[in-house]
Amino acid sequence: MASNSENIVEELIEVEVLLDQDVLNLLKSFNLSDQAIEQFLTNGYDIASLSIIEREEVEALLPPPLLADRTKSIDGLNKWRISQGLRPVSKPLKEICQSSSSYKNGASSKTSLGARPRAKWTAQNLISRSKKGIQILEQFKTTNILSKKDRIFITHLIVDEFTDEFGKLTREELINRSAELSVLFPTTEQHIWYQLAFCRDPSGKKIKFGRVPKGCLYDRNNNYLSSGNKVTKTPTSNPLRNQSGYSDILFTVTAYQESKRWFKHHHDEWEDLKRRWEATSTVRLYEIGKLEVPSYQSILEEYPVLRTGDGYQLVKVDFHQKFPEKVDLLFNRFVDFRTRAQVVFSNEVSPQGKPLCDFLNHDDLNDDSRDCITATLIPYVWPSVVMRLPNGAKWKPSLQEVCDSSIVFMKSLTEYETELARLHNQNRKRGLPDYPVIVVVGEDIRGANQFIVCFNDIAYKAETFLKALDITFKIYKAYGIAFPLEATGPWQFIASYFYDFDVPNDRYKARTLMLISTLRNHLPSK
């Protein structure tokens, strides 16, 4: 009896796989990009739904810059559905021509807003009525940049005339306009345009974003005084609910929870996992941001996929989502910093750091050793200060303890477990959490040849020291984790000098700003 049940389960699994493979093969036959195929799959389309999908849904699913994929998918769906005896997805040719003509002549032959129902005015339609709006959209496709000035213009374009004709935008309309704009201008996140004060997850629990809604659409909608004093015509249903893949925030939260469960069981499907991880990054960062005192341990418990050897790649995805302009700054700036530091640090470091400074004068050092020594010297330019531990006790860490909280040197990996256990026990006695540390392996610091970012039983191997430093920093900043208590000053210097983060107003600020000024004013020798 048990074997029969197992056979039935196996047959069901096989059928499900075949169905998924049928969809994948069909989409691949359209010559779509991987990104376009992913859009169909992550939104749950199967053979049955593709046989009834409407053109408007395809357009919402594949917005700019996926217009070529949109054309291919519509053409492919037309041919496939006709071969199956189904009607095509395309509108009649006459409608398409009229639509195209209307778009091209948008500003010269403006359609009155009142000539269409309120629900028909999407962000794309409103922008297409303005020559400058079309110009901004075309410019964005080329540069991928939406300036603050252009964002303000688009905000006014979406709100002002619409309000004159129909009255204030409703909550649902603001949600839809912000979702549409985040698709048209992907570098500007949806919450910049509009963010609700709260939403509810699938269990009904309230997720609070703030005391009141916010975003430039919300502000303009509240502050704009209609010149026509039109009476608000509240729509009876949610406009675009059937046309847009971004119907409301609840949809996003639900999809995120489903993906979170999926991550736990599909560690081996790495490329698919990375795409899903990127798609859910915004909601995940919001969820982590709700933690009172986030630690890497608590994040690993929620997202065990980060424990894999390639987990650091997912950290980099989240950092890129949060700080896209800061991704490569460390690599771009460190060589120049190294040259300046070799001169400046010789006068700034404490006596314990002088031997390390002398190593930098050796011509036989490779780049990794030189980078490693230079970074290790950073804590030696900070005076040791007395600090209060979580248990209330006072503690003045030694320079070695400050260094060990971030970089640990080993002659071989046989010392690995012993050293990490020592650090863990020290942190536990002081009531401090464990931190990610960079393990540097080599006969001595001049012969460093292995670099591993470690956290308890997790090891991320890095090809170079700079990559290990970058991974460690991004773990802290991507998830809002506090720097090691004893090494806060050095890490804040790294954050400000290399990544352009603001210097916090604390006891380390004056020293950080002075050191940055000294380094930047020093002209390295040619």
Protein backbone atom coordinates (compact mmCIF):
# COMPACT_ATOMS: atom_id res chain seq x y z
CA MET A 1 0.00 0.00 0.00
CA ALA A 2 2.82 2.34 0.91
CA SER A 3 4.61 1.66 -2.37
CA ASN A 4 1.43 2.52 -4.31
CA SER A 5 1.23 5.87 -2.50
CA GLU A 6 4.85 6.56 -3.29
CA ASN A 7 4.26 5.76 -6.97
CA ILE A 8 1.30 8.15 -7.06
CA VAL A 9 3.41 10.92 -5.49
CA GLU A 10 6.19 10.28 -8.00
CA GLU A 11 3.71 10.43 -10.89
CA LEU A 12 2.30 13.73 -9.61
CA ILE A 13 5.79 15.19 -9.33
CA GLU A 14 6.62 14.02 -12.85
CA VAL A 15 3.45 15.59 -14.26
CA GLU A 16 4.22 18.90 -12.51
CA VAL A 17 7.76 18.92 -13.88
CA LEU A 18 6.46 18.15 -17.38
CA LEU A 19 3.98 21.01 -17.19
CA ASP A 20 6.69 23.43 -16.09
CA GLN A 21 8.98 22.15 -18.83
CA ASP A 22 6.23 22.61 -21.43
CA VAL A 23 5.85 26.26 -20.43
CA LEU A 24 9.61 26.77 -20.45
CA ASN A 25 10.00 25.16 -23.88
CA LEU A 26 7.14 27.23 -25.30
CA LEU A 27 8.61 30.50 -23.99
CA LYS A 28 12.07 29.56 -25.26
CA SER A 29 10.59 28.94 -28.72
CA PHE A 30 9.68 32.66 -28.80
CA ASN A 31 13.43 33.53 -28.53
CA LEU A 32 12.85 35.53 -25.35
CA SER A 33 15.63 36.66 -23.02
CA ASP A 34 16.11 34.86 -19.70
CA GLN A 35 14.78 37.92 -17.87
CA ALA A 36 11.54 37.88 -19.88
CA ILE A 37 11.06 34.14 -19.34
CA GLU A 38 11.62 34.68 -15.62
CA GLN A 39 8.82 37.28 -15.60
CA PHE A 40 6.32 34.72 -16.89
CA LEU A 41 7.50 31.95 -14.55
CA THR A 42 7.67 33.97 -11.34
CA ASN A 43 4.17 35.32 -11.98
CA GLY A 44 2.81 31.76 -12.17
CA TYR A 45 1.86 31.51 -15.85
CA ASP A 46 1.22 27.98 -17.12
CA ILE A 47 -0.07 26.58 -20.42
CA ALA A 48 -3.68 27.21 -19.46
CA SER A 49 -3.12 30.85 -18.48
CA LEU A 50 -0.99 31.53 -21.58
CA SER A 51 -3.92 30.36 -23.71
CA ILE A 52 -6.13 33.16 -22.28
CA ILE A 53 -3.62 35.91 -21.47
CA GLU A 54 -4.61 39.36 -22.76
CA ARG A 55 -2.34 41.80 -24.59
CA GLU A 56 -2.60 44.32 -21.71
CA GLU A 57 -1.25 41.69 -19.32
CA VAL A 58 1.73 40.99 -21.58
CA GLU A 59 2.45 44.73 -21.76
CA ALA A 60 2.32 45.05 -17.97
CA LEU A 61 4.48 41.94 -17.56
CA LEU A 62 7.18 43.13 -20.00
CA PRO A 63 7.54 46.90 -19.56
CA PRO A 64 10.46 48.98 -20.87
CA PRO A 65 13.28 48.09 -21.36
CA LEU A 66 11.85 44.68 -22.39
CA LEU A 67 9.96 46.01 -25.42
CA ALA A 68 11.76 43.68 -27.86
CA ASP A 69 10.79 40.69 -25.71
CA ARG A 70 7.22 42.03 -25.54
CA THR A 71 7.04 42.09 -29.35
CA LYS A 72 8.49 38.57 -29.63
CA SER A 73 6.17 37.17 -26.97
CA ILE A 74 3.03 38.66 -28.55
CA ASP A 75 4.06 37.37 -31.98
CA GLY A 76 4.91 33.94 -30.56
CA LEU A 77 1.69 33.72 -28.57
CA ASN A 78 -0.33 34.73 -31.64
CA LYS A 79 1.18 31.96 -33.78
CA TRP A 80 0.93 29.35 -31.02
CA ARG A 81 -2.66 30.19 -30.11
CA ILE A 82 -3.80 30.20 -33.75
CA SER A 83 -2.19 26.77 -34.18
CA GLN A 84 -4.22 25.60 -31.17
CA GLY A 85 -7.46 26.97 -32.61
CA LEU A 86 -7.49 29.87 -30.11
CA ARG A 87 -7.88 33.58 -30.79
CA PRO A 88 -4.66 35.65 -30.91
CA VAL A 89 -3.70 38.13 -28.19
CA SER A 90 -3.16 41.08 -30.56
CA LYS A 91 -5.71 43.82 -31.02
CA PRO A 92 -7.03 44.40 -34.55
CA LEU A 93 -4.47 46.13 -36.77
CA LYS A 94 -6.60 49.25 -36.99
CA GLU A 95 -6.53 49.66 -33.20
CA ILE A 96 -2.77 49.15 -33.10
CA CYS A 97 -2.19 51.80 -35.77
CA GLN A 98 -4.47 54.24 -33.99
CA SER A 99 -2.67 53.59 -30.72
CA SER A 100 0.75 54.10 -32.30
CA SER A 101 -0.36 57.28 -34.05
CA SER A 102 -1.81 58.62 -30.81
CA TYR A 103 1.49 57.98 -28.98
CA LYS A 104 3.65 59.66 -31.63
CA ASN A 105 1.45 62.71 -31.89
CA GLY A 106 0.73 62.83 -28.16
CA ALA A 107 1.44 66.49 -27.51
CA SER A 108 0.18 67.82 -30.85
CA SER A 109 -3.19 66.05 -30.73
CA LYS A 110 -3.86 65.81 -27.01
CA THR A 111 -6.82 63.77 -25.94
CA SER A 112 -8.88 65.52 -23.32
CA LEU A 113 -8.71 63.63 -20.05
CA GLY A 114 -12.47 63.72 -19.84
CA ALA A 115 -12.72 61.90 -23.19
CA ARG A 116 -11.63 58.68 -21.49
CA PRO A 117 -12.83 57.01 -18.30
CA ARG A 118 -10.77 57.80 -15.22
CA ALA A 119 -9.56 54.20 -14.96
CA LYS A 120 -7.98 54.33 -18.44
CA TRP A 121 -5.40 56.98 -17.56
CA THR A 122 -2.17 55.13 -16.71
CA ALA A 123 1.21 56.72 -16.02
CA GLN A 124 2.32 55.84 -19.56
CA ASN A 125 -0.75 57.53 -21.06
CA LEU A 126 -0.34 60.67 -18.97
CA ILE A 127 3.36 60.99 -19.80
CA SER A 128 2.67 60.45 -23.52
CA ARG A 129 0.47 63.58 -23.58
CA SER A 130 3.52 65.78 -22.98
CA LYS A 131 6.45 66.37 -25.35
CA LYS A 132 8.77 66.85 -22.41
CA GLY A 133 7.37 63.73 -20.73
CA ILE A 134 8.18 61.66 -23.83
CA GLN A 135 11.62 63.30 -23.98
CA ILE A 136 12.36 62.38 -20.34
CA LEU A 137 11.24 58.80 -20.97
CA GLU A 138 13.43 58.46 -24.08
CA GLN A 139 16.39 60.05 -22.31
CA PHE A 140 16.02 57.61 -19.41
CA LYS A 141 16.15 54.64 -21.79
CA THR A 142 19.55 55.90 -22.97
CA THR A 143 21.13 57.07 -19.70
CA ASN A 144 19.21 55.05 -17.08
CA ILE A 145 19.19 58.24 -14.97
CA LEU A 146 16.14 60.17 -13.74
CA SER A 147 17.27 63.48 -12.26
CA LYS A 148 15.49 65.09 -9.32
CA LYS A 149 14.27 67.88 -11.63
CA ASP A 150 12.79 65.37 -14.09
CA ARG A 151 11.23 63.36 -11.26
CA ILE A 152 9.45 66.52 -10.03
CA PHE A 153 8.20 67.23 -13.56
CA ILE A 154 6.87 63.67 -13.94
CA THR A 155 5.18 63.95 -10.53
CA HIS A 156 3.37 67.14 -11.57
CA LEU A 157 2.49 65.59 -14.93
CA ILE A 158 0.86 62.59 -13.27
CA VAL A 159 -1.06 64.54 -10.61
CA ASP A 160 -2.00 68.03 -11.79
CA GLU A 161 -4.17 67.65 -14.91
CA PHE A 162 -5.66 64.44 -13.58
CA THR A 163 -6.72 66.24 -10.40
CA ASP A 164 -8.15 69.15 -12.43
CA GLU A 165 -10.35 66.75 -14.39
CA PHE A 166 -11.25 64.02 -11.92
CA GLY A 167 -10.26 65.27 -8.46
CA LYS A 168 -7.67 63.89 -6.03
CA LEU A 169 -6.10 60.51 -6.79
CA THR A 170 -7.42 57.72 -4.60
CA ARG A 171 -5.23 55.42 -2.53
CA GLU A 172 -5.55 52.65 -5.12
CA GLU A 173 -4.67 55.05 -7.94
CA LEU A 174 -1.56 56.22 -6.08
CA ILE A 175 -0.50 52.60 -5.60
CA ASN A 176 -0.99 51.87 -9.30
CA ARG A 177 0.69 55.07 -10.53
CA SER A 178 3.73 54.42 -8.29
CA ALA A 179 3.97 50.81 -9.50
CA GLU A 180 3.73 51.91 -13.15
CA LEU A 181 6.38 54.62 -12.66
CA SER A 182 8.76 52.19 -10.95
CA VAL A 183 8.47 50.03 -14.08
CA LEU A 184 9.02 52.96 -16.46
CA PHE A 185 11.93 54.26 -14.33
CA PRO A 186 13.39 51.14 -12.62
CA THR A 187 16.21 53.03 -10.89
CA THR A 188 13.66 54.97 -8.81
CA GLU A 189 12.05 52.61 -6.32
CA GLN A 190 8.29 52.47 -5.90
CA HIS A 191 8.36 53.86 -2.35
CA ILE A 192 9.96 57.08 -3.67
CA TRP A 193 6.77 57.70 -5.64
CA TYR A 194 4.33 56.42 -3.02
CA GLN A 195 4.40 54.25 0.08
CA LEU A 196 1.46 53.26 2.24
CA ALA A 197 1.54 53.79 5.98
CA PHE A 198 0.92 50.06 6.41
CA CYS A 199 -0.29 46.89 4.75
CA ARG A 200 -1.24 43.42 5.95
CA ASP A 201 0.57 40.13 5.36
CA PRO A 202 -1.32 36.95 4.40
CA SER A 203 -2.00 36.14 8.06
CA GLY A 204 -3.68 39.52 8.56
CA LYS A 205 -0.84 40.95 10.64
CA LYS A 206 -0.30 44.67 10.09
CA ILE A 207 3.08 45.64 8.59
CA LYS A 208 3.73 49.28 9.42
CA PHE A 209 5.88 51.44 7.15
CA GLY A 210 5.39 54.76 8.95
CA ARG A 211 2.86 56.97 10.69
CA VAL A 212 1.45 58.36 7.43
CA PRO A 213 1.84 57.54 3.73
CA LYS A 214 4.69 59.26 1.95
CA GLY A 215 6.31 59.75 -1.45
CA CYS A 216 6.36 62.54 -4.03
CA LEU A 217 3.02 61.50 -5.58
CA TYR A 218 1.37 61.53 -2.16
CA ASP A 219 2.81 64.97 -1.31
CA ARG A 220 1.77 66.51 -4.64
CA ASN A 221 -1.68 64.93 -4.48
CA ASN A 222 -2.22 66.46 -1.02
CA ASN A 223 -0.78 69.89 -1.76
CA TYR A 224 -1.98 70.59 -5.31
CA LEU A 225 -4.97 72.96 -5.49
CA SER A 226 -7.19 72.07 -8.43
CA SER A 227 -7.94 75.04 -10.70
CA GLY A 228 -11.21 73.52 -11.87
CA ASN A 229 -12.60 72.47 -8.50
CA LYS A 230 -13.88 69.27 -10.05
CA VAL A 231 -15.98 66.89 -8.00
CA THR A 232 -14.14 63.68 -7.28
CA LYS A 233 -15.51 60.77 -9.24
CA THR A 234 -14.45 57.79 -7.16
CA PRO A 235 -14.01 54.69 -9.30
CA THR A 236 -16.12 51.71 -8.33
CA SER A 237 -13.27 49.28 -8.76
CA ASN A 238 -9.52 49.27 -8.62
CA PRO A 239 -8.21 50.60 -11.96
CA LEU A 240 -5.60 48.36 -13.56
CA ARG A 241 -6.09 45.60 -11.01
CA ASN A 242 -6.40 43.15 -13.91
CA GLN A 243 -3.84 44.92 -16.07
CA SER A 244 -0.90 45.38 -13.72
CA GLY A 245 1.36 42.87 -12.01
CA TYR A 246 1.74 45.37 -9.20
CA SER A 247 -1.84 45.54 -7.95
CA ASP A 248 -0.93 46.27 -4.33
CA ILE A 249 1.69 45.83 -1.68
CA LEU A 250 -0.09 42.81 -0.25
CA PHE A 251 0.68 40.95 -3.48
CA THR A 252 4.38 41.73 -3.02
CA VAL A 253 4.42 40.53 0.58
CA THR A 254 2.62 37.30 -0.36
CA ALA A 255 5.04 36.58 -3.20
CA TYR A 256 7.95 37.31 -0.88
CA GLN A 257 6.74 34.82 1.74
CA GLU A 258 6.37 32.15 -0.94
CA SER A 259 9.89 32.85 -2.24
CA LYS A 260 11.29 32.76 1.29
CA ARG A 261 9.94 29.23 1.72
CA TRP A 262 11.30 28.30 -1.71
CA PHE A 263 14.83 29.45 -0.80
CA LYS A 264 15.04 26.89 2.02
CA HIS A 265 14.63 23.92 -0.32
CA HIS A 266 16.37 24.92 -3.55
CA HIS A 267 19.99 25.72 -2.66
CA ASP A 268 21.19 23.72 -5.66
CA GLU A 269 19.25 25.78 -8.23
CA TRP A 270 21.68 28.66 -7.90
CA GLU A 271 20.95 30.84 -10.93
CA ASP A 272 17.20 30.64 -10.39
CA LEU A 273 17.74 31.31 -6.70
CA LYS A 274 19.78 34.45 -7.41
CA ARG A 275 17.06 35.83 -9.69
CA ARG A 276 14.37 35.22 -7.08
CA TRP A 277 16.61 36.69 -4.38
CA GLU A 278 17.05 39.87 -6.40
CA ALA A 279 13.31 40.11 -7.09
CA THR A 280 12.48 39.94 -3.36
CA SER A 281 15.34 42.13 -2.13
CA THR A 282 13.25 45.22 -1.30
CA VAL A 283 10.76 43.38 0.91
CA ARG A 284 13.50 41.31 2.57
CA LEU A 285 15.48 44.41 3.51
CA TYR A 286 12.32 45.94 4.92
CA GLU A 287 11.66 42.82 7.02
CA ILE A 288 15.24 42.81 8.33
CA GLY A 289 15.01 46.53 9.04
CA LYS A 290 12.23 45.82 11.55
CA LEU A 291 14.65 43.88 13.80
CA GLU A 292 15.54 45.93 16.89
CA VAL A 293 19.18 44.81 16.95
CA PRO A 294 19.96 42.90 13.75
CA SER A 295 22.87 40.46 13.87
CA TYR A 296 24.22 38.19 11.18
CA GLN A 297 23.23 35.19 13.28
CA SER A 298 19.57 36.22 13.38
CA ILE A 299 19.59 36.86 9.62
CA LEU A 300 21.13 33.44 8.93
CA GLU A 301 18.38 31.79 10.95
CA GLU A 302 15.77 33.45 8.73
CA TYR A 303 17.69 32.89 5.47
CA PRO A 304 19.81 29.71 5.81
CA VAL A 305 20.75 29.87 2.12
CA LEU A 306 23.31 32.52 3.18
CA ARG A 307 25.24 29.70 4.89
CA THR A 308 26.34 28.26 1.56
CA GLY A 309 29.82 29.00 0.27
CA ASP A 310 28.39 31.36 -2.36
CA GLY A 311 26.06 33.08 0.10
CA TYR A 312 28.13 36.26 -0.11
CA GLN A 313 26.82 36.75 -3.66
CA LEU A 314 23.32 37.16 -2.21
CA VAL A 315 24.66 39.69 0.30
CA LYS A 316 26.06 41.68 -2.62
CA VAL A 317 22.65 41.59 -4.34
CA ASP A 318 21.01 43.12 -1.25
CA PHE A 319 23.76 45.73 -0.89
CA HIS A 320 23.33 46.68 -4.55
CA GLN A 321 19.58 47.05 -4.01
CA LYS A 322 20.17 49.35 -1.05
CA PHE A 323 23.23 51.31 -2.26
CA PRO A 324 23.57 50.83 -6.05
CA GLU A 325 25.99 53.73 -6.47
CA LYS A 326 28.46 52.35 -3.89
CA VAL A 327 29.01 48.81 -5.21
CA ASP A 328 32.54 49.12 -6.66
CA LEU A 329 33.91 52.13 -4.78
CA LEU A 330 36.36 50.18 -2.60
CA PHE A 331 38.09 48.59 -5.61
CA ASN A 332 38.20 51.91 -7.47
CA ARG A 333 39.80 53.81 -4.59
CA PHE A 334 42.03 51.46 -2.65
CA VAL A 335 45.18 51.67 -4.81
CA ASP A 336 45.24 55.46 -4.49
CA PHE A 337 44.55 55.17 -0.75
CA ARG A 338 47.39 52.67 -0.36
CA THR A 339 49.87 55.11 -1.87
CA ARG A 340 48.73 57.97 0.35
CA ALA A 341 48.56 55.81 3.48
CA GLN A 342 52.13 54.57 3.09
CA VAL A 343 53.34 58.12 3.73
CA VAL A 344 50.65 59.42 6.10
CA PHE A 345 50.41 56.35 8.36
CA SER A 346 54.12 56.41 9.18
CA ASN A 347 53.43 59.56 11.22
CA GLU A 348 50.00 58.54 12.53
CA VAL A 349 50.21 54.94 13.75
CA SER A 350 50.99 53.96 17.33
CA PRO A 351 54.40 52.41 18.13
CA GLN A 352 52.90 48.90 17.87
CA GLY A 353 52.10 49.57 14.21
CA LYS A 354 55.58 50.76 13.18
CA PRO A 355 56.83 47.26 12.18
CA LEU A 356 53.85 46.90 9.83
CA CYS A 357 54.65 50.29 8.29
CA ASP A 358 58.20 49.11 7.66
CA PHE A 359 56.89 46.11 5.72
CA LEU A 360 55.30 48.48 3.20
CA ASN A 361 58.79 49.63 2.16
CA HIS A 362 59.63 46.14 0.85
CA ASP A 363 59.55 46.03 -2.95
CA ASP A 364 58.88 42.28 -3.07
CA LEU A 365 55.36 42.51 -1.59
CA ASN A 366 52.53 41.35 -3.83
CA ASP A 367 49.34 43.41 -4.10
CA ASP A 368 47.35 41.23 -1.70
CA SER A 369 49.97 41.49 1.04
CA ARG A 370 50.30 45.23 0.51
CA ASP A 371 46.52 45.69 0.64
CA CYS A 372 46.26 43.50 3.73
CA ILE A 373 49.02 45.33 5.63
CA THR A 374 47.59 48.75 4.73
CA ALA A 375 44.09 47.80 5.91
CA THR A 376 45.48 46.24 9.09
CA LEU A 377 47.21 49.52 9.93
CA ILE A 378 43.89 51.42 10.05
CA PRO A 379 43.09 50.40 13.68
CA TYR A 380 46.58 51.52 14.72
CA VAL A 381 45.78 55.17 13.97
CA TRP A 382 42.94 55.17 16.53
CA PRO A 383 43.68 55.71 20.21
CA SER A 384 42.30 53.00 22.47
CA VAL A 385 39.26 54.27 24.38
CA VAL A 386 37.31 53.03 27.36
CA MET A 387 33.88 51.69 26.45
CA ARG A 388 30.99 50.19 28.34
CA LEU A 389 29.97 46.61 27.61
CA PRO A 390 26.32 45.47 27.43
CA ASN A 391 26.65 44.03 30.95
CA GLY A 392 27.62 47.47 32.29
CA ALA A 393 31.31 46.71 32.81
CA LYS A 394 33.98 49.08 31.49
CA TRP A 395 36.49 47.78 28.98
CA LYS A 396 39.52 49.28 27.25
CA PRO A 397 40.39 46.94 24.38
CA SER A 398 44.01 46.51 23.35
CA LEU A 399 45.05 47.26 19.78
CA GLN A 400 45.39 43.52 19.19
CA GLU A 401 41.81 42.96 20.35
CA VAL A 402 40.62 45.73 18.02
CA CYS A 403 42.41 44.08 15.08
CA ASP A 404 41.19 40.58 15.97
CA SER A 405 37.56 41.72 15.77
CA SER A 406 38.03 42.23 12.02
CA ILE A 407 41.19 40.52 10.71
CA VAL A 408 42.82 37.35 12.08
CA PHE A 409 46.16 36.00 10.85
CA MET A 410 46.98 32.28 10.74
CA LYS A 411 50.02 30.40 9.48
CA SER A 412 47.84 27.50 8.34
CA LEU A 413 44.22 26.40 8.40
CA THR A 414 45.01 23.94 11.20
CA GLU A 415 44.60 26.93 13.55
CA TYR A 416 41.21 27.82 12.08
CA GLU A 417 38.83 26.20 14.55
CA THR A 418 40.97 27.06 17.58
CA GLU A 419 41.20 30.76 16.71
CA LEU A 420 37.51 31.15 15.91
CA ALA A 421 36.56 29.36 19.14
CA ARG A 422 38.83 31.76 21.07
CA LEU A 423 37.12 34.80 19.52
CA HIS A 424 33.66 33.33 20.17
CA ASN A 425 34.46 32.70 23.85
CA GLN A 426 35.83 36.24 24.29
CA ASN A 427 32.69 37.76 22.78
CA ARG A 428 30.42 35.57 24.91
CA LYS A 429 32.19 36.58 28.14
CA ARG A 430 31.80 40.26 27.27
CA GLY A 431 28.17 39.90 26.20
CA LEU A 432 29.01 40.82 22.60
CA PRO A 433 27.69 39.15 19.43
CA ASP A 434 29.99 37.35 17.03
CA TYR A 435 31.12 39.38 14.02
CA PRO A 436 32.23 38.40 10.52
CA VAL A 437 36.04 38.31 10.48
CA ILE A 438 38.57 38.10 7.67
CA VAL A 439 40.94 35.15 8.10
CA VAL A 440 44.29 35.71 6.38
CA VAL A 441 46.44 32.59 5.89
CA GLY A 442 50.18 32.62 5.17
CA GLU A 443 53.58 31.96 6.71
CA ASP A 444 53.61 35.63 7.67
CA ILE A 445 51.71 38.75 6.66
CA ARG A 446 54.08 39.27 3.73
CA GLY A 447 53.17 35.89 2.26
CA ALA A 448 49.40 35.95 2.67
CA ASN A 449 47.80 33.65 0.09
CA GLN A 450 44.32 32.70 1.37
CA PHE A 451 41.47 34.99 2.40
CA ILE A 452 38.26 33.74 4.01
CA VAL A 453 35.35 35.70 5.47
CA CYS A 454 34.25 33.65 8.49
CA PHE A 455 31.26 33.71 10.78
CA ASN A 456 31.00 30.78 13.19
CA ASP A 457 30.67 27.72 10.91
CA ILE A 458 30.33 29.75 7.68
CA ALA A 459 33.22 30.41 5.32
CA TYR A 460 33.14 32.64 2.23
CA LYS A 461 36.36 32.16 0.25
CA ALA A 462 37.64 35.27 -1.55
CA GLU A 463 40.22 35.43 -4.34
CA THR A 464 41.83 38.59 -2.97
CA PHE A 465 42.08 40.46 0.31
CA LEU A 466 40.13 43.43 -1.07
CA LYS A 467 37.24 41.17 -2.04
CA ALA A 468 37.19 39.73 1.50
CA LEU A 469 37.14 43.26 2.94
CA ASP A 470 34.34 44.26 0.57
CA ILE A 471 32.22 41.22 1.47
CA THR A 472 32.63 41.87 5.19
CA PHE A 473 31.69 45.53 4.89
CA LYS A 474 28.63 44.74 2.76
CA ILE A 475 27.37 42.25 5.35
CA TYR A 476 27.32 45.07 7.91
CA LYS A 477 25.78 47.74 5.69
CA ALA A 478 23.31 45.67 3.66
CA TYR A 479 21.54 44.48 6.81
CA GLY A 480 22.13 47.39 9.19
CA ILE A 481 24.37 45.36 11.53
CA ALA A 482 26.42 47.39 14.01
CA PHE A 483 30.19 47.37 13.55
CA PRO A 484 32.26 45.59 16.23
CA LEU A 485 32.14 47.69 19.40
CA GLU A 486 35.91 47.75 19.76
CA ALA A 487 36.51 48.60 16.06
CA THR A 488 33.71 51.10 15.39
CA GLY A 489 36.13 53.93 14.56
CA PRO A 490 38.15 52.05 11.92
CA TRP A 491 35.02 50.67 10.23
CA GLN A 492 33.37 54.11 10.17
CA PHE A 493 36.51 55.43 8.50
CA ILE A 494 36.27 52.69 5.85
CA ALA A 495 32.56 53.47 5.35
CA SER A 496 33.20 57.17 4.83
CA TYR A 497 36.53 57.18 2.95
CA PHE A 498 35.81 54.37 0.48
CA TYR A 499 32.00 54.16 0.28
CA ASP A 500 30.95 57.81 0.84
CA PHE A 501 28.72 57.12 3.86
CA ASP A 502 28.12 60.04 6.22
CA VAL A 503 30.20 60.04 9.40
CA PRO A 504 27.94 59.52 12.46
CA ASN A 505 27.97 62.24 15.08
CA ASP A 506 29.77 60.26 17.81
CA ARG A 507 33.09 60.11 19.65
CA TYR A 508 34.91 58.91 16.51
CA LYS A 509 33.74 61.66 14.17
CA ALA A 510 36.48 64.24 14.78
CA ARG A 511 39.28 61.69 14.39
CA THR A 512 37.67 60.20 11.27
CA LEU A 513 37.25 63.57 9.53
CA MET A 514 40.78 64.67 10.43
CA LEU A 515 42.32 61.46 9.06
CA ILE A 516 40.26 61.65 5.86
CA SER A 517 41.32 65.27 5.36
CA THR A 518 44.98 64.43 5.94
CA LEU A 519 44.91 61.57 3.44
CA ARG A 520 43.02 63.45 0.74
CA ASN A 521 45.20 66.55 1.03
CA HIS A 522 48.37 64.51 0.68
CA LEU A 523 49.49 64.27 -2.93
CA PRO A 524 50.96 60.81 -3.57
CA SER A 525 54.36 60.75 -5.20
CA LYS A 526 54.33 59.92 -8.91
